[in-house]
Amino acid sequence: MQFRKRLKTGEFARLVQIDPPKGTDVITMVNNAIKVKGVVDAFLVSEMKSAVMRMTSLGASLVLQQKGLDTIVQLSCRDRNRLALQGDLLAASALGIAAAMVVEGDPPATGDHVDAKAVYDLTDEALVKAIASLSKGRDLAGVELAGSVDLPMGVELSTGLRGGEREKELDRMKRMIDLGVCFFVTQPLFEFSMTEPFLKIAVKNGVTIIPTVLLVKSLGMARYMARNLAHIIMPEHVIDTLQKTPDKVKASISLAVDMIHEVREMGFGGVNVSCLGWEDKLPEVLGVMKGLKG
């Protein structure tokens, strides 16, 4: 598995975040993924992002695995109790999934099923502990398994927090490393000045930080993120570029390509490209990756 190899060797890892379909038709998802096969090391398959009901991450990951594409399965604390989460981890490992990424999950009130009941039986930290236990051959009840889980662990990381919240996130990162987490995927980054202390911790401990490069699909989207998402720093030059350029699609792709180069030059361990429905633009965005050596 190419992603696992890059984690071990410290080579630059190339990920694409992909959303499962809202339905059973997987043709578009598969076709978009196959177009960049050989460039991408693994597809990070989201688990009902923004609390919108879709095919599960594990199901979509299996579909892609059957096409010869490595995947990273997401596990959301929001949707399942500890029994189901452990069962999914056993299945993911048995199916040859490349890695597992733990997320807390957005509250159901933000999605399309506002009356859904959130579970949150385990916190993200508790779920990481569960994976560590399963990798040693025992479940959370202490029962010995017939075969242990083999899944490198990843979690989300928010490097744009400020003040005391930022210090809490740095402490959380250290705790996760102590529990066995080996890679961190950031929330979308557009400006990198606040990532230095996180990167220092990663280098010191031999773990990988993978920034997320997000395609900004419109000027309105850029302005909304700048005004409403305090944990995301939106540079003025991004807004200016989208405002002045008639071809917003071309400008968005160009900005993403520039950020991929910047991520590589700053010494991060990889990049995660998120398209938000523009997966058909992936070949154009990821063309730059062919020239990025590990």
C-alpha atoms as a PDB file:
ATOM      1  CA  MET A   1       0.000   0.000   0.000  1.00  0.00           C
ATOM      2  CA  GLN A   2       1.605   3.205  -1.203  1.00  0.00           C
ATOM      3  CA  PHE A   3       0.224   5.436   1.566  1.00  0.00           C
ATOM      4  CA  ARG A   4       1.574   3.158   4.301  1.00  0.00           C
ATOM      5  CA  LYS A   5       4.966   3.064   2.595  1.00  0.00           C
ATOM      6  CA  ARG A   6       5.122   6.839   2.473  1.00  0.00           C
ATOM      7  CA  LEU A   7       4.181   7.105   6.151  1.00  0.00           C
ATOM      8  CA  LYS A   8       7.048   4.788   7.050  1.00  0.00           C
ATOM      9  CA  THR A   9       9.655   6.396   4.811  1.00  0.00           C
ATOM     10  CA  GLY A  10       8.613  10.003   5.326  1.00  0.00           C
ATOM     11  CA  GLU A  11       7.981  10.536   1.628  1.00  0.00           C
ATOM     12  CA  PHE A  12       5.393  13.076   0.510  1.00  0.00           C
ATOM     13  CA  ALA A  13       1.930  11.465   0.617  1.00  0.00           C
ATOM     14  CA  ARG A  14      -0.800  12.396  -1.863  1.00  0.00           C
ATOM     15  CA  LEU A  15      -4.393  12.091  -0.676  1.00  0.00           C
ATOM     16  CA  VAL A  16      -7.728  13.067  -2.164  1.00  0.00           C
ATOM     17  CA  GLN A  17     -10.812  13.455   0.005  1.00  0.00           C
ATOM     18  CA  ILE A  18     -13.824  11.951  -1.692  1.00  0.00           C
ATOM     19  CA  ASP A  19     -17.473  11.950  -0.650  1.00  0.00           C
ATOM     20  CA  PRO A  20     -19.546   8.782  -1.111  1.00  0.00           C
ATOM     21  CA  PRO A  21     -22.716   9.175  -3.184  1.00  0.00           C
ATOM     22  CA  LYS A  22     -26.070  10.064  -1.687  1.00  0.00           C
ATOM     23  CA  GLY A  23     -27.587   6.959  -3.187  1.00  0.00           C
ATOM     24  CA  THR A  24     -26.413   3.663  -4.649  1.00  0.00           C
ATOM     25  CA  ASP A  25     -25.013   4.953  -7.946  1.00  0.00           C
ATOM     26  CA  VAL A  26     -21.227   4.826  -7.497  1.00  0.00           C
ATOM     27  CA  ILE A  27     -20.295   5.358 -11.161  1.00  0.00           C
ATOM     28  CA  THR A  28     -19.360   9.034 -10.866  1.00  0.00           C
ATOM     29  CA  MET A  29     -17.314   8.483  -7.702  1.00  0.00           C
ATOM     30  CA  VAL A  30     -15.438   5.560  -9.232  1.00  0.00           C
ATOM     31  CA  ASN A  31     -14.797   7.280 -12.569  1.00  0.00           C
ATOM     32  CA  ASN A  32     -13.426  10.416 -10.911  1.00  0.00           C
ATOM     33  CA  ALA A  33     -11.135   8.322  -8.725  1.00  0.00           C
ATOM     34  CA  ILE A  34      -9.854   6.148 -11.576  1.00  0.00           C
ATOM     35  CA  LYS A  35      -8.861   9.258 -13.557  1.00  0.00           C
ATOM     36  CA  VAL A  36      -6.149  10.025 -10.982  1.00  0.00           C
ATOM     37  CA  LYS A  37      -5.130   6.466 -10.209  1.00  0.00           C
ATOM     38  CA  GLY A  38      -1.364   6.267  -9.980  1.00  0.00           C
ATOM     39  CA  VAL A  39      -1.044   9.898  -8.899  1.00  0.00           C
ATOM     40  CA  VAL A  40      -2.962   9.588  -5.623  1.00  0.00           C
ATOM     41  CA  ASP A  41      -1.618   7.337  -2.865  1.00  0.00           C
ATOM     42  CA  ALA A  42      -5.003   6.888  -1.161  1.00  0.00           C
ATOM     43  CA  PHE A  43      -8.526   8.265  -1.140  1.00  0.00           C
ATOM     44  CA  LEU A  44      -9.752   9.631   2.179  1.00  0.00           C
ATOM     45  CA  VAL A  45     -13.410   8.593   2.139  1.00  0.00           C
ATOM     46  CA  SER A  46     -15.568  10.885   4.261  1.00  0.00           C
ATOM     47  CA  GLU A  47     -18.183   9.598   6.699  1.00  0.00           C
ATOM     48  CA  MET A  48     -21.407  11.581   6.242  1.00  0.00           C
ATOM     49  CA  LYS A  49     -19.578  14.919   6.240  1.00  0.00           C
ATOM     50  CA  SER A  50     -21.593  17.865   7.575  1.00  0.00           C
ATOM     51  CA  ALA A  51     -24.054  15.302   8.976  1.00  0.00           C
ATOM     52  CA  VAL A  52     -25.524  14.708   5.520  1.00  0.00           C
ATOM     53  CA  MET A  53     -26.753  11.136   4.995  1.00  0.00           C
ATOM     54  CA  ARG A  54     -24.721   9.295   2.359  1.00  0.00           C
ATOM     55  CA  MET A  55     -23.291   5.849   1.711  1.00  0.00           C
ATOM     56  CA  THR A  56     -20.998   4.923   4.594  1.00  0.00           C
ATOM     57  CA  SER A  57     -17.275   5.476   4.377  1.00  0.00           C
ATOM     58  CA  LEU A  58     -16.631   1.754   4.811  1.00  0.00           C
ATOM     59  CA  GLY A  59     -19.046   0.831   2.011  1.00  0.00           C
ATOM     60  CA  ALA A  60     -17.635   3.380  -0.439  1.00  0.00           C
ATOM     61  CA  SER A  61     -14.087   2.406   0.541  1.00  0.00           C
ATOM     62  CA  LEU A  62     -14.810  -1.203  -0.361  1.00  0.00           C
ATOM     63  CA  VAL A  63     -16.201  -0.116  -3.745  1.00  0.00           C
ATOM     64  CA  LEU A  64     -12.981   1.774  -4.481  1.00  0.00           C
ATOM     65  CA  GLN A  65     -10.768  -1.025  -3.126  1.00  0.00           C
ATOM     66  CA  GLN A  66     -12.414  -3.404  -5.579  1.00  0.00           C
ATOM     67  CA  LYS A  67     -11.205  -1.087  -8.379  1.00  0.00           C
ATOM     68  CA  GLY A  68      -7.618  -1.316  -7.153  1.00  0.00           C
ATOM     69  CA  LEU A  69      -7.651   2.021  -5.313  1.00  0.00           C
ATOM     70  CA  ASP A  70      -6.260   2.353  -1.790  1.00  0.00           C
ATOM     71  CA  THR A  71      -8.566   4.017   0.718  1.00  0.00           C
ATOM     72  CA  ILE A  72      -8.577   5.526   4.200  1.00  0.00           C
ATOM     73  CA  VAL A  73     -11.812   4.870   6.052  1.00  0.00           C
ATOM     74  CA  GLN A  74     -13.282   7.549   8.311  1.00  0.00           C
ATOM     75  CA  LEU A  75     -14.932   6.578  11.578  1.00  0.00           C
ATOM     76  CA  SER A  76     -17.299   9.089  13.142  1.00  0.00           C
ATOM     77  CA  CYS A  77     -17.981   9.078  16.872  1.00  0.00           C
ATOM     78  CA  ARG A  78     -21.337  10.713  16.107  1.00  0.00           C
ATOM     79  CA  ASP A  79     -23.018   7.751  14.433  1.00  0.00           C
ATOM     80  CA  ARG A  80     -22.123   4.509  16.200  1.00  0.00           C
ATOM     81  CA  ASN A  81     -21.578   3.075  19.635  1.00  0.00           C
ATOM     82  CA  ARG A  82     -18.437   1.221  20.651  1.00  0.00           C
ATOM     83  CA  LEU A  83     -19.795  -2.141  19.500  1.00  0.00           C
ATOM     84  CA  ALA A  84     -20.451  -0.963  15.938  1.00  0.00           C
ATOM     85  CA  LEU A  85     -17.247   1.091  15.706  1.00  0.00           C
ATOM     86  CA  GLN A  86     -15.113  -1.871  16.719  1.00  0.00           C
ATOM     87  CA  GLY A  87     -16.986  -4.086  14.275  1.00  0.00           C
ATOM     88  CA  ASP A  88     -16.307  -1.608  11.460  1.00  0.00           C
ATOM     89  CA  LEU A  89     -12.616  -1.566  12.370  1.00  0.00           C
ATOM     90  CA  LEU A  90     -12.427  -5.363  12.210  1.00  0.00           C
ATOM     91  CA  ALA A  91     -14.097  -5.283   8.792  1.00  0.00           C
ATOM     92  CA  ALA A  92     -11.861  -2.488   7.492  1.00  0.00           C
ATOM     93  CA  SER A  93      -8.707  -4.320   8.493  1.00  0.00           C
ATOM     94  CA  ALA A  94      -9.902  -7.630   7.051  1.00  0.00           C
ATOM     95  CA  LEU A  95     -10.786  -5.885   3.763  1.00  0.00           C
ATOM     96  CA  GLY A  96      -7.289  -4.448   3.361  1.00  0.00           C
ATOM     97  CA  ILE A  97      -8.143  -0.787   3.957  1.00  0.00           C
ATOM     98  CA  ALA A  98      -4.933   1.281   4.063  1.00  0.00           C
ATOM     99  CA  ALA A  99      -5.624   3.264   7.244  1.00  0.00           C
ATOM    100  CA  ALA A 100      -8.312   4.591   9.572  1.00  0.00           C
ATOM    101  CA  MET A 101      -9.055   8.200  10.413  1.00  0.00           C
ATOM    102  CA  VAL A 102     -11.053   9.163  13.485  1.00  0.00           C
ATOM    103  CA  VAL A 103     -13.438  12.150  13.432  1.00  0.00           C
ATOM    104  CA  GLU A 104     -15.894  13.373  16.043  1.00  0.00           C
ATOM    105  CA  GLY A 105     -18.546  14.174  13.429  1.00  0.00           C
ATOM    106  CA  ASP A 106     -20.629  17.316  12.977  1.00  0.00           C
ATOM    107  CA  PRO A 107     -23.829  17.537  15.067  1.00  0.00           C
ATOM    108  CA  PRO A 108     -26.931  16.185  13.281  1.00  0.00           C
ATOM    109  CA  ALA A 109     -28.600  19.610  13.544  1.00  0.00           C
ATOM    110  CA  THR A 110     -26.158  20.887  10.879  1.00  0.00           C
ATOM    111  CA  GLY A 111     -27.183  18.251   8.333  1.00  0.00           C
ATOM    112  CA  ASP A 112     -30.208  16.974   6.437  1.00  0.00           C
ATOM    113  CA  HIS A 113     -31.646  14.762   9.192  1.00  0.00           C
ATOM    114  CA  VAL A 114     -32.018  17.262  12.015  1.00  0.00           C
ATOM    115  CA  ASP A 115     -34.062  14.859  14.160  1.00  0.00           C
ATOM    116  CA  ALA A 116     -31.330  12.205  14.164  1.00  0.00           C
ATOM    117  CA  LYS A 117     -29.908  11.305  17.560  1.00  0.00           C
ATOM    118  CA  ALA A 118     -26.146  11.617  17.928  1.00  0.00           C
ATOM    119  CA  VAL A 119     -24.383   8.747  19.671  1.00  0.00           C
ATOM    120  CA  TYR A 120     -20.946   9.979  20.802  1.00  0.00           C
ATOM    121  CA  ASP A 121     -20.525   6.839  22.903  1.00  0.00           C
ATOM    122  CA  LEU A 122     -16.761   7.289  22.460  1.00  0.00           C
ATOM    123  CA  THR A 123     -14.789  10.504  22.162  1.00  0.00           C
ATOM    124  CA  ASP A 124     -12.210  10.734  19.396  1.00  0.00           C
ATOM    125  CA  GLU A 125      -9.502  10.048  21.964  1.00  0.00           C
ATOM    126  CA  ALA A 126     -11.365   7.017  23.327  1.00  0.00           C
ATOM    127  CA  LEU A 127     -11.820   5.670  19.793  1.00  0.00           C
ATOM    128  CA  VAL A 128      -8.092   6.020  19.152  1.00  0.00           C
ATOM    129  CA  LYS A 129      -7.512   4.018  22.343  1.00  0.00           C
ATOM    130  CA  ALA A 130      -9.933   1.394  21.016  1.00  0.00           C
ATOM    131  CA  ILE A 131      -7.979   1.062  17.766  1.00  0.00           C
ATOM    132  CA  ALA A 132      -4.758   0.729  19.742  1.00  0.00           C
ATOM    133  CA  SER A 133      -6.323  -2.043  21.811  1.00  0.00           C
ATOM    134  CA  LEU A 134      -7.661  -3.846  18.733  1.00  0.00           C
ATOM    135  CA  SER A 135      -4.199  -3.674  17.172  1.00  0.00           C
ATOM    136  CA  LYS A 136      -2.892  -5.527  20.220  1.00  0.00           C
ATOM    137  CA  GLY A 137      -5.507  -8.234  19.789  1.00  0.00           C
ATOM    138  CA  ARG A 138      -8.102  -7.291  22.396  1.00  0.00           C
ATOM    139  CA  ASP A 139     -11.395  -5.425  22.249  1.00  0.00           C
ATOM    140  CA  LEU A 140     -12.585  -2.779  24.693  1.00  0.00           C
ATOM    141  CA  ALA A 141     -14.070  -5.468  26.929  1.00  0.00           C
ATOM    142  CA  GLY A 142     -10.672  -7.133  27.170  1.00  0.00           C
ATOM    143  CA  VAL A 143     -11.712 -10.135  25.087  1.00  0.00           C
ATOM    144  CA  GLU A 144      -9.000 -11.667  22.902  1.00  0.00           C
ATOM    145  CA  LEU A 145      -9.565 -11.374  19.152  1.00  0.00           C
ATOM    146  CA  ALA A 146      -9.144 -14.015  16.477  1.00  0.00           C
ATOM    147  CA  GLY A 147      -6.772 -11.802  14.543  1.00  0.00           C
ATOM    148  CA  SER A 148      -5.755  -8.247  15.414  1.00  0.00           C
ATOM    149  CA  VAL A 149      -6.483  -5.008  13.561  1.00  0.00           C
ATOM    150  CA  ASP A 150      -3.763  -3.585  11.322  1.00  0.00           C
ATOM    151  CA  LEU A 151      -4.694   0.038  10.567  1.00  0.00           C
ATOM    152  CA  PRO A 152      -2.409   3.079  10.894  1.00  0.00           C
ATOM    153  CA  MET A 153      -4.331   5.737  12.823  1.00  0.00           C
ATOM    154  CA  GLY A 154      -5.048   9.322  11.827  1.00  0.00           C
ATOM    155  CA  VAL A 155      -7.085  12.157  13.346  1.00  0.00           C
ATOM    156  CA  GLU A 156      -8.200  15.650  12.392  1.00  0.00           C
ATOM    157  CA  LEU A 157      -6.092  18.635  13.429  1.00  0.00           C
ATOM    158  CA  SER A 158      -7.131  22.287  13.639  1.00  0.00           C
ATOM    159  CA  THR A 159      -4.040  24.478  13.349  1.00  0.00           C
ATOM    160  CA  GLY A 160      -5.991  27.731  12.921  1.00  0.00           C
ATOM    161  CA  LEU A 161      -7.246  27.954  16.500  1.00  0.00           C
ATOM    162  CA  ARG A 162      -6.116  30.890  18.604  1.00  0.00           C
ATOM    163  CA  GLY A 163      -5.166  31.576  22.220  1.00  0.00           C
ATOM    164  CA  GLY A 164      -6.077  28.953  24.782  1.00  0.00           C
ATOM    165  CA  GLU A 165      -7.888  26.823  22.218  1.00  0.00           C
ATOM    166  CA  ARG A 166      -4.691  26.564  20.203  1.00  0.00           C
ATOM    167  CA  GLU A 167      -2.746  25.402  23.264  1.00  0.00           C
ATOM    168  CA  LYS A 168      -5.421  22.779  23.931  1.00  0.00           C
ATOM    169  CA  GLU A 169      -5.058  21.534  20.349  1.00  0.00           C
ATOM    170  CA  LEU A 170      -1.271  21.287  20.702  1.00  0.00           C
ATOM    171  CA  ASP A 171      -1.745  19.273  23.921  1.00  0.00           C
ATOM    172  CA  ARG A 172      -4.340  17.098  22.201  1.00  0.00           C
ATOM    173  CA  MET A 173      -1.889  16.415  19.371  1.00  0.00           C
ATOM    174  CA  LYS A 174       0.753  15.269  21.873  1.00  0.00           C
ATOM    175  CA  ARG A 175      -1.745  12.960  23.611  1.00  0.00           C
ATOM    176  CA  MET A 176      -2.798  11.454  20.298  1.00  0.00           C
ATOM    177  CA  ILE A 177       0.819  10.764  19.382  1.00  0.00           C
ATOM    178  CA  ASP A 178       1.330   9.028  22.744  1.00  0.00           C
ATOM    179  CA  LEU A 179      -1.695   6.835  21.922  1.00  0.00           C
ATOM    180  CA  GLY A 180      -0.205   5.757  18.596  1.00  0.00           C
ATOM    181  CA  VAL A 181      -1.609   8.208  16.045  1.00  0.00           C
ATOM    182  CA  CYS A 182       0.857   8.470  13.153  1.00  0.00           C
ATOM    183  CA  PHE A 183      -0.765  11.010  10.846  1.00  0.00           C
ATOM    184  CA  PHE A 184      -2.856  14.156  11.199  1.00  0.00           C
ATOM    185  CA  VAL A 185      -5.070  15.684   8.503  1.00  0.00           C
ATOM    186  CA  THR A 186      -5.716  19.383   8.993  1.00  0.00           C
ATOM    187  CA  GLN A 187      -8.855  21.313   8.327  1.00  0.00           C
ATOM    188  CA  PRO A 188      -8.595  23.406   5.134  1.00  0.00           C
ATOM    189  CA  LEU A 189      -5.505  25.624   5.148  1.00  0.00           C
ATOM    190  CA  PHE A 190      -4.942  28.729   3.059  1.00  0.00           C
ATOM    191  CA  GLU A 191      -2.281  30.383   5.202  1.00  0.00           C
ATOM    192  CA  PHE A 192       0.471  28.519   7.047  1.00  0.00           C
ATOM    193  CA  SER A 193       1.965  30.919   9.616  1.00  0.00           C
ATOM    194  CA  MET A 194       0.193  29.236  12.556  1.00  0.00           C
ATOM    195  CA  THR A 195       1.257  25.692  11.674  1.00  0.00           C
ATOM    196  CA  GLU A 196       4.888  25.958  12.810  1.00  0.00           C
ATOM    197  CA  PRO A 197       4.469  24.681  16.411  1.00  0.00           C
ATOM    198  CA  PHE A 198       2.394  21.740  15.157  1.00  0.00           C
ATOM    199  CA  LEU A 199       4.999  20.923  12.530  1.00  0.00           C
ATOM    200  CA  LYS A 200       7.764  21.031  15.161  1.00  0.00           C
ATOM    201  CA  ILE A 201       5.899  18.475  17.275  1.00  0.00           C
ATOM    202  CA  ALA A 202       5.375  16.267  14.231  1.00  0.00           C
ATOM    203  CA  VAL A 203       9.053  16.346  13.254  1.00  0.00           C
ATOM    204  CA  LYS A 204      10.181  15.682  16.834  1.00  0.00           C
ATOM    205  CA  ASN A 205       7.913  12.645  17.148  1.00  0.00           C
ATOM    206  CA  GLY A 206       8.244  11.211  13.644  1.00  0.00           C
ATOM    207  CA  VAL A 207       4.584  11.657  12.696  1.00  0.00           C
ATOM    208  CA  THR A 208       3.040  13.182   9.586  1.00  0.00           C
ATOM    209  CA  ILE A 209       0.908  16.305   9.195  1.00  0.00           C
ATOM    210  CA  ILE A 210      -1.109  16.403   5.977  1.00  0.00           C
ATOM    211  CA  PRO A 211      -2.644  19.823   5.239  1.00  0.00           C
ATOM    212  CA  THR A 212      -5.957  19.925   3.411  1.00  0.00           C
ATOM    213  CA  VAL A 213      -5.998  22.054   0.265  1.00  0.00           C
ATOM    214  CA  LEU A 214      -9.579  23.010  -0.537  1.00  0.00           C
ATOM    215  CA  LEU A 215     -10.829  24.195  -3.915  1.00  0.00           C
ATOM    216  CA  VAL A 216     -12.658  27.457  -3.264  1.00  0.00           C
ATOM    217  CA  LYS A 217     -15.523  27.265  -5.726  1.00  0.00           C
ATOM    218  CA  SER A 218     -16.692  30.878  -5.628  1.00  0.00           C
ATOM    219  CA  LEU A 219     -16.045  34.338  -4.272  1.00  0.00           C
ATOM    220  CA  GLY A 220     -19.080  33.936  -2.021  1.00  0.00           C
ATOM    221  CA  MET A 221     -17.617  30.755  -0.530  1.00  0.00           C
ATOM    222  CA  ALA A 222     -14.316  32.510   0.220  1.00  0.00           C
ATOM    223  CA  ARG A 223     -16.074  35.432   1.872  1.00  0.00           C
ATOM    224  CA  TYR A 224     -18.319  33.136   3.927  1.00  0.00           C
ATOM    225  CA  MET A 225     -15.324  31.211   5.252  1.00  0.00           C
ATOM    226  CA  ALA A 226     -13.492  34.438   6.078  1.00  0.00           C
ATOM    227  CA  ARG A 227     -16.462  35.844   8.014  1.00  0.00           C
ATOM    228  CA  ASN A 228     -17.898  32.771   9.711  1.00  0.00           C
ATOM    229  CA  LEU A 229     -15.159  30.180  10.262  1.00  0.00           C
ATOM    230  CA  ALA A 230     -12.881  31.565  12.954  1.00  0.00           C
ATOM    231  CA  HIS A 231     -10.559  28.549  12.850  1.00  0.00           C
ATOM    232  CA  ILE A 232      -9.792  29.080   9.134  1.00  0.00           C
ATOM    233  CA  ILE A 233      -7.561  31.958   8.043  1.00  0.00           C
ATOM    234  CA  MET A 234      -8.620  33.216   4.618  1.00  0.00           C
ATOM    235  CA  PRO A 235      -5.880  35.441   3.112  1.00  0.00           C
ATOM    236  CA  GLU A 236      -6.964  38.592   1.317  1.00  0.00           C
ATOM    237  CA  HIS A 237      -5.101  37.562  -1.832  1.00  0.00           C
ATOM    238  CA  VAL A 238      -7.454  34.574  -2.270  1.00  0.00           C
ATOM    239  CA  ILE A 239     -10.504  36.818  -2.140  1.00  0.00           C
ATOM    240  CA  ASP A 240      -8.830  39.406  -4.403  1.00  0.00           C
ATOM    241  CA  THR A 241      -7.902  36.769  -6.977  1.00  0.00           C
ATOM    242  CA  LEU A 242     -11.416  35.373  -7.136  1.00  0.00           C
ATOM    243  CA  GLN A 243     -12.895  38.862  -7.274  1.00  0.00           C
ATOM    244  CA  LYS A 244     -10.717  40.095 -10.139  1.00  0.00           C
ATOM    245  CA  THR A 245     -10.556  36.958 -12.302  1.00  0.00           C
ATOM    246  CA  PRO A 246     -13.476  36.365 -14.715  1.00  0.00           C
ATOM    247  CA  ASP A 247     -12.798  32.603 -14.877  1.00  0.00           C
ATOM    248  CA  LYS A 248     -13.459  31.551 -11.275  1.00  0.00           C
ATOM    249  CA  VAL A 249     -12.877  27.849 -11.985  1.00  0.00           C
ATOM    250  CA  LYS A 250      -9.441  28.497 -13.477  1.00  0.00           C
ATOM    251  CA  ALA A 251      -8.566  30.802 -10.596  1.00  0.00           C
ATOM    252  CA  SER A 252      -9.640  28.220  -8.005  1.00  0.00           C
ATOM    253  CA  ILE A 253      -7.539  25.513  -9.623  1.00  0.00           C
ATOM    254  CA  SER A 254      -4.536  27.837  -9.875  1.00  0.00           C
ATOM    255  CA  LEU A 255      -4.811  28.775  -6.191  1.00  0.00           C
ATOM    256  CA  ALA A 256      -4.988  25.081  -5.209  1.00  0.00           C
ATOM    257  CA  VAL A 257      -1.931  24.227  -7.292  1.00  0.00           C
ATOM    258  CA  ASP A 258       0.039  27.071  -5.682  1.00  0.00           C
ATOM    259  CA  MET A 259      -0.923  25.813  -2.224  1.00  0.00           C
ATOM    260  CA  ILE A 260       0.141  22.258  -3.060  1.00  0.00           C
ATOM    261  CA  HIS A 261       3.576  23.607  -3.989  1.00  0.00           C
ATOM    262  CA  GLU A 262       3.708  25.619  -0.763  1.00  0.00           C
ATOM    263  CA  VAL A 263       2.759  22.601   1.345  1.00  0.00           C
ATOM    264  CA  ARG A 264       5.591  20.618  -0.239  1.00  0.00           C
ATOM    265  CA  GLU A 265       8.159  23.393   0.145  1.00  0.00           C
ATOM    266  CA  MET A 266       7.334  23.881   3.844  1.00  0.00           C
ATOM    267  CA  GLY A 267       8.238  20.278   4.622  1.00  0.00           C
ATOM    268  CA  PHE A 268       4.837  18.805   5.421  1.00  0.00           C
ATOM    269  CA  GLY A 269       4.479  15.059   5.014  1.00  0.00           C
ATOM    270  CA  GLY A 270       1.786  15.200   2.367  1.00  0.00           C
ATOM    271  CA  VAL A 271      -1.288  16.966   1.066  1.00  0.00           C
ATOM    272  CA  ASN A 272      -4.996  16.166   1.073  1.00  0.00           C
ATOM    273  CA  VAL A 273      -6.988  17.713  -1.786  1.00  0.00           C
ATOM    274  CA  SER A 274     -10.681  18.377  -1.143  1.00  0.00           C
ATOM    275  CA  CYS A 275     -12.864  19.298  -4.129  1.00  0.00           C
ATOM    276  CA  LEU A 276     -16.397  19.576  -2.673  1.00  0.00           C
ATOM    277  CA  GLY A 277     -18.104  18.254  -5.783  1.00  0.00           C
ATOM    278  CA  TRP A 278     -15.461  19.328  -8.283  1.00  0.00           C
ATOM    279  CA  GLU A 279     -13.880  15.889  -8.454  1.00  0.00           C
ATOM    280  CA  ASP A 280     -13.987  16.124 -12.254  1.00  0.00           C
ATOM    281  CA  LYS A 281     -11.310  18.839 -11.899  1.00  0.00           C
ATOM    282  CA  LEU A 282      -8.923  16.466 -10.118  1.00  0.00           C
ATOM    283  CA  PRO A 283      -6.732  15.591 -13.145  1.00  0.00           C
ATOM    284  CA  GLU A 284      -6.048  19.288 -13.694  1.00  0.00           C
ATOM    285  CA  VAL A 285      -5.331  19.995 -10.018  1.00  0.00           C
ATOM    286  CA  LEU A 286      -3.246  16.905  -9.417  1.00  0.00           C
ATOM    287  CA  GLY A 287      -1.104  17.253 -12.523  1.00  0.00           C
ATOM    288  CA  VAL A 288       1.316  19.171 -10.349  1.00  0.00           C
ATOM    289  CA  MET A 289       1.760  16.132  -8.096  1.00  0.00           C
ATOM    290  CA  LYS A 290       3.437  14.104 -10.819  1.00  0.00           C
ATOM    291  CA  GLY A 291       6.458  16.316 -10.399  1.00  0.00           C
ATOM    292  CA  LEU A 292       6.561  16.133  -6.612  1.00  0.00           C
ATOM    293  CA  LYS A 293       9.103  13.561  -5.544  1.00  0.00           C
ATOM    294  CA  GLY A 294       8.924  11.972  -2.116  1.00  0.00           C
END
